């Protein structure tokens, strides 16, 4: 978990520095996260315990 957070922070820092690839990575990850929640791929409903 800590490694994943460090990786996201590193990509975020690169994005703030103006790296185009970092913006693409974060956009794809955000779209994937939204798709995961919106289409119920998590099989838990919209929120855990819902």
C-alpha atoms as a PDB file:
ATOM      1  CA  UNK A   1       0.000   0.000   0.000  1.00  0.00           C
ATOM      2  CA  UNK A   2       2.803   2.400   0.861  1.00  0.00           C
ATOM      3  CA  UNK A   3       4.583   1.637  -2.414  1.00  0.00           C
ATOM      4  CA  UNK A   4       1.408   2.356  -4.405  1.00  0.00           C
ATOM      5  CA  UNK A   5       0.918   5.672  -2.606  1.00  0.00           C
ATOM      6  CA  UNK A   6       4.532   6.632  -3.259  1.00  0.00           C
ATOM      7  CA  UNK A   7       4.084   5.794  -6.951  1.00  0.00           C
ATOM      8  CA  UNK A   8       0.933   7.967  -7.198  1.00  0.00           C
ATOM      9  CA  UNK A   9       2.704  10.826  -5.476  1.00  0.00           C
ATOM     10  CA  UNK A  10       5.670  10.495  -7.854  1.00  0.00           C
ATOM     11  CA  UNK A  11       3.341  10.595 -10.879  1.00  0.00           C
ATOM     12  CA  UNK A  12       1.534  13.592  -9.363  1.00  0.00           C
ATOM     13  CA  UNK A  13       4.806  15.462  -8.915  1.00  0.00           C
ATOM     14  CA  UNK A  14       5.764  14.710 -12.522  1.00  0.00           C
ATOM     15  CA  UNK A  15       2.365  15.973 -13.662  1.00  0.00           C
ATOM     16  CA  UNK A  16       2.844  19.241 -11.780  1.00  0.00           C
ATOM     17  CA  UNK A  17       6.217  19.569 -13.529  1.00  0.00           C
ATOM     18  CA  UNK A  18       4.392  19.498 -16.860  1.00  0.00           C
ATOM     19  CA  UNK A  19       5.056  15.954 -18.025  1.00  0.00           C
ATOM     20  CA  UNK A  20       2.404  14.976 -20.564  1.00  0.00           C
ATOM     21  CA  UNK A  21       2.708  11.247 -19.924  1.00  0.00           C
ATOM     22  CA  UNK A  22       1.903  11.743 -16.228  1.00  0.00           C
ATOM     23  CA  UNK A  23      -1.306  13.566 -17.111  1.00  0.00           C
ATOM     24  CA  UNK A  24      -2.271  10.663 -19.364  1.00  0.00           C
ATOM     25  CA  UNK A  25      -1.522   8.082 -16.656  1.00  0.00           C
ATOM     26  CA  UNK A  26      -3.629   9.929 -14.084  1.00  0.00           C
ATOM     27  CA  UNK A  27      -6.478  10.484 -16.561  1.00  0.00           C
ATOM     28  CA  UNK A  28      -6.605   6.801 -17.508  1.00  0.00           C
ATOM     29  CA  UNK A  29      -6.434   5.711 -13.867  1.00  0.00           C
ATOM     30  CA  UNK A  30      -9.217   8.146 -12.944  1.00  0.00           C
ATOM     31  CA  UNK A  31     -11.421   6.969 -15.807  1.00  0.00           C
ATOM     32  CA  UNK A  32     -10.784   3.360 -14.837  1.00  0.00           C
ATOM     33  CA  UNK A  33     -11.687   4.085 -11.239  1.00  0.00           C
ATOM     34  CA  UNK A  34     -14.907   5.812 -12.286  1.00  0.00           C
ATOM     35  CA  UNK A  35     -15.762   2.935 -14.621  1.00  0.00           C
ATOM     36  CA  UNK A  36     -15.107   0.445 -11.822  1.00  0.00           C
ATOM     37  CA  UNK A  37     -17.543   2.219  -9.471  1.00  0.00           C
ATOM     38  CA  UNK A  38     -20.167   3.228 -12.032  1.00  0.00           C
ATOM     39  CA  UNK A  39     -20.521  -0.191 -13.672  1.00  0.00           C
ATOM     40  CA  UNK A  40     -20.468  -2.165 -10.424  1.00  0.00           C
ATOM     41  CA  UNK A  41     -17.402  -4.154 -11.417  1.00  0.00           C
ATOM     42  CA  UNK A  42     -16.573  -4.228  -7.717  1.00  0.00           C
ATOM     43  CA  UNK A  43     -19.739  -6.288  -7.080  1.00  0.00           C
ATOM     44  CA  UNK A  44     -20.426  -4.284  -3.907  1.00  0.00           C
ATOM     45  CA  UNK A  45     -22.872  -1.731  -5.194  1.00  0.00           C
ATOM     46  CA  UNK A  46     -21.914   1.914  -5.268  1.00  0.00           C
ATOM     47  CA  UNK A  47     -20.549   1.919  -1.735  1.00  0.00           C
ATOM     48  CA  UNK A  48     -19.439  -0.908   0.526  1.00  0.00           C
ATOM     49  CA  UNK A  49     -22.305  -1.937   2.767  1.00  0.00           C
ATOM     50  CA  UNK A  50     -24.936  -0.407   0.467  1.00  0.00           C
END
